[in-house]
Amino acid sequence: MPEPARKTMSGLNACCCLLLAAGFGLADAARGGAAAQPAVFAQARPPVPPAASSPPATSPAARAQALSTAGIAAYKAGRHQEAIQLYTQSLALQANQAIVYYNRGLAHYALRNYTAARDDQTRAIQINPSDTDFFIWRSNSLRMLKDMEGALGDIEHVLKMSPRNTLAFVRRGDI
């Protein structure tokens, strides 16, 4: 048998072995369709919820998460002002979300609102002082506000927390 044909046959044999191991019968695999799916996969599908007469009530935390997710989508689409509004609504429902303050700060930074960006990054740091990204972005805002001492202080703090943080080394060189 020629070499390419031998490789194809061995590939087919491997596929058949995988199908058998996954619970397919050869006849099922040849037929295709729903019968070809192993029982394990059929059981893993979630049941279809019954039709509800009214939409389920969502918690403030779930609504805050949905608004934050919408804010991320708006930010990625370049709609920074809309992202800020969505993040603000999310924070009104659930105030102590460091990542939402951080994201809103990034949107402010993109719009060159450096004071608002610094304030949001500071709030994120107050909630979660162990995230180095919060310090790096606050340093960027401080740098744009011509507060070089504060910017350098944030970068030095990052390097104490994470001595091998290459972005902090680059930012230290920029200040």
Protein backbone atom coordinates (compact mmCIF):
# COMPACT_ATOMS: atom_id res chain seq x y z
CA MET A 1 0.00 0.00 0.00
CA PRO A 2 1.42 3.46 -0.86
CA GLU A 3 2.61 5.61 2.06
CA PRO A 4 -0.15 8.30 1.93
CA ALA A 5 -2.85 5.63 1.80
CA ARG A 6 -1.29 3.84 4.78
CA LYS A 7 -1.32 7.11 6.79
CA THR A 8 -4.96 7.68 5.85
CA MET A 9 -5.93 4.17 6.90
CA SER A 10 -4.11 4.51 10.21
CA GLY A 11 -5.87 7.87 10.73
CA LEU A 12 -9.24 6.22 10.04
CA ASN A 13 -8.43 3.42 12.46
CA ALA A 14 -7.54 5.98 15.13
CA CYS A 15 -10.82 7.86 14.52
CA CYS A 16 -12.82 4.63 14.81
CA CYS A 17 -11.06 3.77 18.05
CA LEU A 18 -11.81 7.24 19.45
CA LEU A 19 -15.46 6.95 18.41
CA LEU A 20 -15.77 3.56 20.06
CA ALA A 21 -14.08 4.84 23.21
CA ALA A 22 -16.49 7.78 23.34
CA GLY A 23 -19.49 5.48 23.21
CA PHE A 24 -20.27 5.52 19.50
CA GLY A 25 -21.08 2.32 17.75
CA LEU A 26 -19.71 2.04 14.22
CA ALA A 27 -23.25 1.86 12.85
CA ASP A 28 -24.20 4.98 14.84
CA ALA A 29 -21.12 6.84 13.63
CA ALA A 30 -21.89 5.94 10.02
CA ARG A 31 -25.50 7.10 10.39
CA GLY A 32 -24.59 10.47 11.98
CA GLY A 33 -27.18 12.70 13.60
CA ALA A 34 -28.44 12.63 17.16
CA ALA A 35 -28.14 8.84 17.43
CA ALA A 36 -24.40 9.15 16.85
CA GLN A 37 -23.88 11.19 20.00
CA PRO A 38 -22.74 9.25 23.02
CA ALA A 39 -25.14 9.13 25.92
CA VAL A 40 -22.71 11.15 28.08
CA PHE A 41 -23.12 14.21 25.84
CA ALA A 42 -26.88 13.89 25.68
CA GLN A 43 -27.09 13.91 29.48
CA ALA A 44 -24.76 16.90 29.83
CA ARG A 45 -27.14 19.29 28.06
CA PRO A 46 -29.07 21.51 30.45
CA PRO A 47 -32.82 21.06 30.48
CA VAL A 48 -34.93 23.66 28.71
CA PRO A 49 -36.46 25.92 31.36
CA PRO A 50 -40.23 26.06 31.46
CA ALA A 51 -41.84 29.10 29.89
CA ALA A 52 -42.27 31.80 32.51
CA SER A 53 -45.17 34.22 32.57
CA SER A 54 -42.89 37.06 33.69
CA PRO A 55 -39.13 37.53 33.44
CA PRO A 56 -37.21 36.34 36.49
CA ALA A 57 -36.09 39.03 38.92
CA THR A 58 -32.34 39.54 38.92
CA SER A 59 -30.30 40.53 41.89
CA PRO A 60 -28.53 43.89 42.05
CA ALA A 61 -25.22 42.02 41.79
CA ALA A 62 -26.35 40.29 38.58
CA ARG A 63 -27.55 43.59 37.11
CA ALA A 64 -24.25 45.23 38.11
CA GLN A 65 -22.34 42.44 36.39
CA ALA A 66 -24.46 42.79 33.24
CA LEU A 67 -23.84 46.55 33.17
CA SER A 68 -20.12 46.01 33.67
CA THR A 69 -20.05 43.49 30.82
CA ALA A 70 -21.91 45.95 28.58
CA GLY A 71 -19.36 48.60 29.59
CA ILE A 72 -16.51 46.34 28.50
CA ALA A 73 -18.20 45.82 25.12
CA ALA A 74 -18.72 49.57 24.70
CA TYR A 75 -15.09 50.25 25.63
CA LYS A 76 -13.81 47.69 23.14
CA ALA A 77 -16.00 49.26 20.45
CA GLY A 78 -14.43 52.66 21.17
CA ARG A 79 -17.57 54.08 22.81
CA HIS A 80 -15.72 55.29 25.89
CA GLN A 81 -18.32 57.78 27.13
CA GLU A 82 -21.01 55.08 26.96
CA ALA A 83 -18.68 52.71 28.81
CA ILE A 84 -18.22 55.28 31.57
CA GLN A 85 -21.99 55.62 31.95
CA LEU A 86 -22.46 51.83 32.10
CA TYR A 87 -19.67 51.43 34.67
CA THR A 88 -21.19 54.25 36.74
CA GLN A 89 -24.57 52.51 36.71
CA SER A 90 -22.89 49.25 37.73
CA LEU A 91 -21.15 50.99 40.63
CA ALA A 92 -24.46 52.52 41.75
CA LEU A 93 -25.80 48.98 42.22
CA GLN A 94 -22.67 47.49 43.75
CA ALA A 95 -20.09 50.03 44.94
CA ASN A 96 -17.06 47.99 45.98
CA GLN A 97 -16.06 46.57 42.61
CA ALA A 98 -12.38 47.35 42.14
CA ILE A 99 -12.30 46.05 38.58
CA VAL A 100 -15.21 48.30 37.56
CA TYR A 101 -13.43 51.36 38.98
CA TYR A 102 -10.31 50.23 37.12
CA ASN A 103 -12.23 49.79 33.84
CA ARG A 104 -13.97 53.13 34.23
CA GLY A 105 -10.56 54.69 34.86
CA LEU A 106 -9.29 53.19 31.60
CA ALA A 107 -12.25 54.70 29.74
CA HIS A 108 -11.55 58.10 31.32
CA TYR A 109 -7.89 57.73 30.36
CA ALA A 110 -8.86 56.95 26.75
CA LEU A 111 -10.85 60.21 26.72
CA ARG A 112 -7.88 62.05 28.24
CA ASN A 113 -9.77 62.72 31.47
CA TYR A 114 -6.64 62.04 33.49
CA THR A 115 -7.89 63.43 36.80
CA ALA A 116 -10.99 61.20 36.70
CA ALA A 117 -8.82 58.27 35.59
CA ARG A 118 -6.48 58.83 38.54
CA ASP A 119 -9.40 59.06 40.95
CA ASP A 120 -10.95 55.80 39.71
CA GLN A 121 -7.60 54.00 39.81
CA THR A 122 -7.08 55.27 43.36
CA ARG A 123 -10.48 53.91 44.39
CA ALA A 124 -9.64 50.56 42.78
CA ILE A 125 -6.37 50.47 44.74
CA GLN A 126 -8.21 51.25 48.00
CA ILE A 127 -10.49 48.26 47.41
CA ASN A 128 -7.80 45.88 46.13
CA PRO A 129 -4.26 47.06 46.91
CA SER A 130 -2.65 43.86 45.62
CA ASP A 131 -3.37 44.33 41.90
CA THR A 132 -0.30 45.75 40.19
CA ASP A 133 -2.24 46.85 37.08
CA PHE A 134 -4.16 49.36 39.17
CA PHE A 135 -0.89 51.00 40.26
CA ILE A 136 0.57 50.96 36.75
CA TRP A 137 -2.45 52.69 35.25
CA ARG A 138 -2.64 55.21 38.07
CA SER A 139 1.03 55.90 37.39
CA ASN A 140 0.17 56.55 33.74
CA SER A 141 -2.53 59.03 34.78
CA LEU A 142 -0.22 60.74 37.26
CA ARG A 143 2.44 61.02 34.58
CA MET A 144 -0.04 62.70 32.23
CA LEU A 145 -0.95 65.08 35.08
CA LYS A 146 2.78 65.92 35.43
CA ASP A 147 2.98 64.34 38.90
CA MET A 148 6.23 62.51 38.21
CA GLU A 149 6.97 61.87 41.88
CA GLY A 150 3.59 60.15 42.39
CA ALA A 151 3.96 58.22 39.13
CA LEU A 152 7.42 56.98 40.13
CA GLY A 153 6.14 56.08 43.62
CA ASP A 154 3.45 53.83 42.09
CA ILE A 155 5.95 52.12 39.80
CA GLU A 156 8.39 51.58 42.68
CA HIS A 157 5.52 50.06 44.68
CA VAL A 158 4.76 47.66 41.80
CA LEU A 159 8.41 46.62 41.64
CA LYS A 160 8.38 45.88 45.39
CA MET A 161 5.25 43.74 44.95
CA SER A 162 6.43 42.11 41.73
CA PRO A 163 10.20 42.52 41.20
CA ARG A 164 10.14 40.97 37.72
CA ASN A 165 7.28 43.04 36.33
CA THR A 166 8.73 44.07 32.97
CA LEU A 167 6.03 46.66 32.30
CA ALA A 168 6.95 48.42 35.54
CA PHE A 169 10.61 48.50 34.45
CA VAL A 170 9.60 50.05 31.13
CA ARG A 171 7.33 52.60 32.81
CA ARG A 172 10.08 53.50 35.31
CA GLY A 173 12.30 54.32 32.36
CA ASP A 174 9.58 56.54 30.88
CA ILE A 175 9.26 58.69 34.00
